[in-house]
Protein backbone atom coordinates (compact mmCIF):
# COMPACT_ATOMS: atom_id res chain seq x y z
CA MET A 1 -40.82 -30.15 -28.42
CA PRO A 2 -40.15 -30.79 -32.13
CA LEU A 3 -40.76 -28.14 -34.72
CA GLU A 4 -43.71 -28.29 -37.08
CA VAL A 5 -42.35 -27.36 -40.48
CA GLY A 6 -43.58 -27.72 -44.03
CA ASN A 7 -40.19 -27.93 -45.76
CA GLN A 8 -37.52 -29.43 -43.56
CA THR A 9 -34.59 -28.44 -45.77
CA ASP A 10 -35.43 -24.76 -45.15
CA VAL A 11 -34.80 -25.31 -41.44
CA TRP A 12 -31.25 -26.50 -42.08
CA ARG A 13 -30.67 -23.78 -44.67
CA GLY A 14 -31.38 -21.16 -41.99
CA TYR A 15 -29.02 -22.86 -39.53
CA ARG A 16 -26.22 -23.03 -42.10
CA ALA A 17 -26.69 -19.36 -42.98
CA LEU A 18 -26.35 -18.43 -39.29
CA ARG A 19 -23.25 -20.61 -38.93
CA ARG A 20 -21.62 -19.05 -42.00
CA ALA A 21 -22.47 -15.52 -40.84
CA TRP A 22 -21.04 -16.19 -37.37
CA THR A 23 -17.85 -17.72 -38.77
CA GLY A 24 -17.41 -14.90 -41.29
CA LEU A 25 -17.84 -12.22 -38.64
CA TRP A 26 -15.49 -14.01 -36.24
CA ILE A 27 -12.75 -14.44 -38.85
CA GLY A 28 -13.35 -11.07 -40.46
CA ILE A 29 -12.81 -8.79 -37.45
CA ILE A 30 -9.05 -8.44 -37.94
CA PRO A 31 -9.12 -7.63 -41.69
CA PHE A 32 -12.09 -5.32 -41.09
CA ALA A 33 -10.31 -3.41 -38.33
CA LEU A 34 -6.99 -3.25 -40.17
CA PHE A 35 -8.62 -1.99 -43.36
CA PHE A 36 -10.51 0.78 -41.61
CA MET A 37 -7.48 1.71 -39.49
CA VAL A 38 -5.68 2.50 -42.73
CA VAL A 39 -8.63 4.28 -44.36
CA LEU A 40 -9.93 6.13 -41.31
CA ASP A 41 -8.31 7.75 -38.29
CA PRO A 42 -8.32 5.09 -35.51
CA GLU A 43 -8.93 7.84 -32.95
CA GLY A 44 -11.87 9.28 -34.87
CA ARG A 45 -15.57 8.78 -34.26
CA ALA A 46 -16.22 7.14 -37.64
CA PHE A 47 -13.78 4.31 -36.89
CA GLN A 48 -15.20 3.85 -33.41
CA ALA A 49 -18.75 3.80 -34.76
CA LEU A 50 -17.82 1.14 -37.34
CA ILE A 51 -16.16 -1.05 -34.71
CA LEU A 52 -19.18 -0.65 -32.42
CA ALA A 53 -21.54 -1.58 -35.28
CA TYR A 54 -19.39 -4.63 -36.06
CA MET A 55 -19.43 -5.72 -32.42
CA LEU A 56 -23.21 -5.32 -32.23
CA ALA A 57 -23.67 -7.34 -35.42
CA PHE A 58 -21.38 -10.06 -34.06
CA GLY A 59 -23.29 -10.13 -30.77
CA PHE A 60 -26.65 -10.33 -32.54
CA VAL A 61 -25.54 -13.19 -34.80
CA THR A 62 -23.93 -15.00 -31.86
CA VAL A 63 -27.15 -14.90 -29.85
CA ARG A 64 -29.18 -16.09 -32.85
CA PHE A 65 -26.70 -18.89 -33.65
CA THR A 66 -26.33 -20.20 -30.12
CA SER A 67 -30.06 -20.11 -29.41
CA TRP A 68 -31.07 -21.88 -32.65
CA ARG A 69 -33.37 -24.74 -31.67
CA CYS A 70 -32.97 -28.36 -32.71
CA PRO A 71 -35.85 -29.45 -34.95
CA ARG A 72 -36.23 -32.76 -33.08
CA CYS A 73 -35.93 -31.90 -29.37
CA GLY A 74 -36.42 -28.12 -29.41
CA LYS A 75 -33.32 -27.44 -27.27
CA PRO A 76 -30.35 -25.28 -28.35
CA PHE A 77 -28.57 -27.21 -31.11
CA VAL A 78 -25.00 -26.00 -30.54
CA TYR A 79 -24.83 -25.61 -26.77
CA GLY A 80 -25.64 -28.22 -24.18
CA ARG A 81 -26.58 -27.35 -20.64
CA TRP A 82 -23.50 -26.17 -18.76
CA LYS A 83 -21.30 -27.29 -21.64
CA VAL A 84 -19.02 -24.98 -23.52
CA SER A 85 -19.21 -25.65 -27.23
CA SER A 86 -16.00 -26.51 -28.99
CA PRO A 87 -14.85 -24.88 -32.23
CA LEU A 88 -15.50 -28.24 -33.88
CA ASP A 89 -19.24 -27.56 -33.53
CA LEU A 90 -18.88 -25.01 -36.32
CA LEU A 91 -18.03 -27.79 -38.77
CA PRO A 92 -20.81 -29.26 -40.91
CA ASP A 93 -22.66 -32.45 -39.94
CA ARG A 94 -22.28 -32.03 -36.19
CA PRO A 95 -24.92 -33.66 -33.96
CA CYS A 96 -27.27 -31.90 -31.56
CA LYS A 97 -25.79 -31.67 -28.06
CA HIS A 98 -29.02 -33.04 -26.57
CA CYS A 99 -30.62 -35.63 -28.84
CA GLY A 100 -27.84 -36.44 -31.32
CA LEU A 101 -29.70 -35.36 -34.47
CA VAL A 102 -27.09 -34.83 -37.16
CA GLU A 103 -27.20 -31.54 -39.04
CA GLY A 104 -28.88 -31.89 -42.40
CA ASN A 105 -31.01 -34.90 -41.46
CA ASP A 106 -34.39 -34.26 -43.08
CA ARG A 107 -36.21 -37.07 -41.29
CA TRP A 108 -36.12 -36.16 -37.63
CA GLU A 109 -39.77 -36.97 -36.99
CA GLU A 110 -39.37 -40.65 -37.94
CA GLU A 111 -36.45 -41.34 -35.59
């Protein structure tokens, strides 16, 4: 079921923001942990609370990113049924796993 949207570029802007947030959190875990290991006691509650908060944020963004719906077919854009997504799906201009709509295409209703 396609999405009914007024401004189609806003749809892709939201998807790109989720992709950037997911990639930043995924890449940033090691510098984040190393920085706070130096600043805080790794055995202390403050460090553990920060790591837990980071993991929860990563989990939340992952669920949002992987469940983002394709504007044309309404199915998850990144993950196909029973298919594991490859890291290449994080690159720009990747097609939908179901209908082949390329990211950034503003005319999905005409196709």
